[in-house]
N, C-alpha and C. Protein backbone atom coordinates (compact mmCIF):
# COMPACT_ATOMS: atom_id res chain seq x y z
N UNK A 1 0.99 -1.03 0.01
CA UNK A 1 -0.10 0.49 -0.68
C UNK A 1 1.00 1.45 0.18
N UNK A 2 0.55 1.97 -0.90
CA UNK A 2 1.50 3.27 -1.08
C UNK A 2 1.07 4.42 -0.36
N UNK A 3 1.76 5.49 0.14
CA UNK A 3 1.45 6.56 1.16
C UNK A 3 -0.09 7.22 0.95
N UNK A 4 -0.02 7.44 -0.42
CA UNK A 4 -1.43 7.90 -1.07
C UNK A 4 -2.64 7.44 -0.52
N UNK A 5 -2.95 5.53 -0.35
CA UNK A 5 -3.52 4.69 0.05
C UNK A 5 -3.47 4.31 1.24
N UNK A 6 -2.52 4.83 1.91
CA UNK A 6 -2.55 5.21 3.54
C UNK A 6 -3.37 6.29 3.95
N UNK A 7 -3.00 7.42 3.33
CA UNK A 7 -3.48 8.57 3.80
C UNK A 7 -5.53 8.63 3.42
N UNK A 8 -5.49 8.20 2.08
CA UNK A 8 -6.90 7.89 1.72
C UNK A 8 -7.88 6.65 2.75
N UNK A 9 -7.19 5.70 2.81
CA UNK A 9 -7.54 5.26 4.13
C UNK A 9 -7.76 5.90 5.35
N UNK A 10 -7.36 6.68 5.96
CA UNK A 10 -7.36 6.95 7.09
C UNK A 10 -8.23 8.11 7.27
N UNK A 11 -8.18 9.09 5.77
CA UNK A 11 -9.30 9.72 5.34
C UNK A 11 -10.44 9.11 6.31
N UNK A 12 -10.64 8.23 5.14
CA UNK A 12 -12.04 7.46 4.70
C UNK A 12 -12.25 6.67 6.46
N UNK A 13 -11.35 6.44 7.45
CA UNK A 13 -11.45 5.82 8.51
C UNK A 13 -12.13 6.69 9.66
N UNK A 14 -11.78 8.22 8.90
CA UNK A 14 -12.11 9.31 10.57
C UNK A 14 -13.22 9.49 9.76
N UNK A 15 -14.02 9.47 8.83
CA UNK A 15 -15.43 9.96 8.22
C UNK A 15 -15.20 11.16 7.42
N UNK A 16 -14.32 11.83 7.12
CA UNK A 16 -13.95 12.76 6.19
C UNK A 16 -14.04 12.47 5.27
N UNK A 17 -14.42 13.68 4.13
CA UNK A 17 -14.27 14.04 2.50
C UNK A 17 -12.69 14.27 2.65
N UNK A 18 -12.22 14.20 1.39
CA UNK A 18 -11.03 14.50 0.67
C UNK A 18 -11.26 16.24 0.88
N UNK A 19 -12.03 16.79 0.81
CA UNK A 19 -11.84 18.62 0.65
C UNK A 19 -11.92 19.00 2.67
N UNK A 20 -12.41 17.86 3.11
CA UNK A 20 -12.11 18.05 4.95
C UNK A 20 -11.08 18.06 5.17
N UNK A 21 -10.13 16.76 4.70
CA UNK A 21 -8.76 16.71 4.95
C UNK A 21 -7.83 17.57 4.33
N UNK A 22 -8.06 18.53 3.31
CA UNK A 22 -7.18 19.04 2.23
C UNK A 22 -7.17 20.63 3.58
N UNK A 23 -8.98 20.51 3.56
CA UNK A 23 -9.16 21.97 4.51
C UNK A 23 -8.25 22.05 6.07
N UNK A 24 -8.04 20.96 6.55
CA UNK A 24 -7.46 20.60 7.68
C UNK A 24 -5.88 21.06 7.45
N UNK A 25 -5.28 20.33 6.48
CA UNK A 25 -3.91 20.64 5.87
C UNK A 25 -3.63 22.15 5.48
N UNK A 26 -4.91 23.07 5.04
CA UNK A 26 -4.99 24.20 4.24
C UNK A 26 -4.14 24.12 3.13
N UNK A 27 -4.58 23.38 2.17
CA UNK A 27 -4.17 22.92 0.70
C UNK A 27 -5.67 22.91 -0.01
N UNK A 28 -4.77 22.92 -1.27
CA UNK A 28 -6.48 22.60 -2.30
C UNK A 28 -6.48 21.10 -2.58
N UNK A 29 -7.52 20.55 -2.87
CA UNK A 29 -7.57 19.49 -3.33
C UNK A 29 -6.52 18.92 -4.65
N UNK A 30 -6.35 19.92 -5.85
CA UNK A 30 -5.48 20.08 -6.71
C UNK A 30 -4.35 19.65 -6.54
N UNK A 31 -3.81 20.40 -5.28
CA UNK A 31 -2.18 20.21 -5.25
C UNK A 31 -2.48 18.96 -4.36
N UNK A 32 -3.47 18.05 -3.70
CA UNK A 32 -2.94 16.69 -3.33
C UNK A 32 -3.17 16.10 -4.59
N UNK A 33 -3.95 15.87 -5.02
CA UNK A 33 -3.89 15.29 -6.72
C UNK A 33 -2.73 15.46 -7.55
N UNK A 34 -1.92 16.48 -7.88
CA UNK A 34 -0.49 16.74 -8.19
C UNK A 34 0.10 15.90 -7.28
N UNK A 35 0.22 15.80 -5.66
CA UNK A 35 1.50 14.70 -5.40
C UNK A 35 0.81 13.50 -5.29
N UNK A 36 -0.54 12.92 -5.68
CA UNK A 36 -0.68 11.96 -5.93
C UNK A 36 -0.18 11.27 -7.52
N UNK A 37 -0.52 12.47 -8.25
CA UNK A 37 0.39 11.94 -9.95
C UNK A 37 1.72 11.95 -9.79
N UNK A 38 2.04 12.73 -9.25
CA UNK A 38 3.63 12.59 -9.14
C UNK A 38 4.24 11.83 -8.13
N UNK A 39 3.54 11.20 -7.64
CA UNK A 39 4.01 10.18 -6.25
C UNK A 39 4.65 10.72 -5.25
N UNK A 40 4.96 11.99 -4.71
CA UNK A 40 5.66 12.86 -4.25
C UNK A 40 5.07 14.11 -3.46
N UNK A 41 5.21 14.30 -2.38
CA UNK A 41 4.92 15.63 -1.76
C UNK A 41 6.17 16.15 -0.86
N UNK A 42 5.76 17.47 -0.15
CA UNK A 42 7.10 17.68 0.87
C UNK A 42 6.90 17.54 1.46
N UNK A 43 8.34 17.10 2.36
CA UNK A 43 8.36 16.15 3.74
C UNK A 43 7.71 17.34 4.90
N UNK A 44 7.72 18.22 4.52
CA UNK A 44 7.12 19.31 5.58
C UNK A 44 5.81 18.93 6.14
N UNK A 45 5.04 18.22 5.06
CA UNK A 45 3.59 17.61 4.65
C UNK A 45 2.95 16.38 5.74
N UNK A 46 4.19 15.44 5.69
CA UNK A 46 4.14 14.52 6.13
C UNK A 46 4.23 14.65 7.73
N UNK A 47 5.35 15.44 8.18
CA UNK A 47 5.01 15.97 9.39
C UNK A 47 3.59 16.26 10.11
N UNK A 48 3.03 17.54 9.29
CA UNK A 48 1.46 17.83 9.42
C UNK A 48 0.52 16.78 9.19
N UNK A 49 0.62 16.15 8.52
CA UNK A 49 -0.21 14.88 8.31
C UNK A 49 -0.42 14.03 9.77
N UNK A 50 0.90 13.75 9.86
CA UNK A 50 1.37 12.43 10.96
C UNK A 50 0.47 13.31 12.30
N UNK A 51 0.67 14.50 12.46
CA UNK A 51 0.06 14.95 13.32
C UNK A 51 -1.22 15.31 13.56
N UNK A 52 -2.03 15.73 12.52
CA UNK A 52 -3.21 15.76 12.09
C UNK A 52 -3.99 14.25 12.23
N UNK A 53 -3.30 13.23 11.91
CA UNK A 53 -3.70 12.01 12.10
C UNK A 53 -3.56 11.37 13.45
N UNK A 54 -2.69 11.92 14.18
CA UNK A 54 -2.04 11.34 15.16
C UNK A 54 -1.50 9.94 15.10
N UNK A 55 -0.63 10.09 14.15
CA UNK A 55 0.27 8.92 14.10
C UNK A 55 1.59 8.71 13.73
N UNK A 56 2.39 7.75 13.50
CA UNK A 56 3.91 8.38 13.23
C UNK A 56 3.99 8.68 12.01
N UNK A 57 5.47 8.76 11.29
CA UNK A 57 5.61 9.15 9.70
C UNK A 57 5.84 7.56 9.31
N UNK A 58 6.12 6.83 9.70
CA UNK A 58 6.71 5.93 9.44
C UNK A 58 5.17 5.17 8.91
N UNK A 59 4.19 5.26 9.94
CA UNK A 59 3.17 4.44 9.62
C UNK A 59 2.21 5.25 8.80
N UNK A 60 2.47 6.19 8.27
CA UNK A 60 1.83 7.02 6.98
C UNK A 60 2.61 6.70 5.52
N UNK A 61 3.89 6.49 5.60
CA UNK A 61 4.55 5.67 4.90
C UNK A 61 4.20 4.47 4.61
N UNK A 62 4.10 3.81 5.42
CA UNK A 62 3.74 2.10 5.59
C UNK A 62 4.94 1.52 5.44
N UNK A 63 5.47 1.90 6.28
CA UNK A 63 7.27 1.24 6.73
C UNK A 63 6.98 0.49 8.11
N UNK A 64 7.12 -0.71 8.17
CA UNK A 64 6.90 -1.61 9.04
C UNK A 64 8.24 -1.66 9.62
N UNK A 65 7.91 -2.11 10.87
CA UNK A 65 8.74 -1.81 11.89
C UNK A 65 9.72 -3.44 12.76
N UNK A 66 10.83 -3.51 12.00
CA UNK A 66 10.95 -4.87 12.42
C UNK A 66 11.81 -5.15 13.63
N UNK A 67 11.54 -6.47 14.28
CA UNK A 67 12.08 -6.40 15.86
C UNK A 67 13.62 -6.82 15.69
């Protein structure tokens, strides 16, 4: 699962629309779609998204922790 699928899944789990998520992040939906299209987004937003979701950046990125 890629980062954008993780983000969309969490948005859905919280019962938010994509617009509500973007509003909370103070970005436009078109910016989010550009990030999806390019597969890239500024790392400063990873911190904002992790704070918004109260999740670690690793969880958002789909990085599994090994023992």
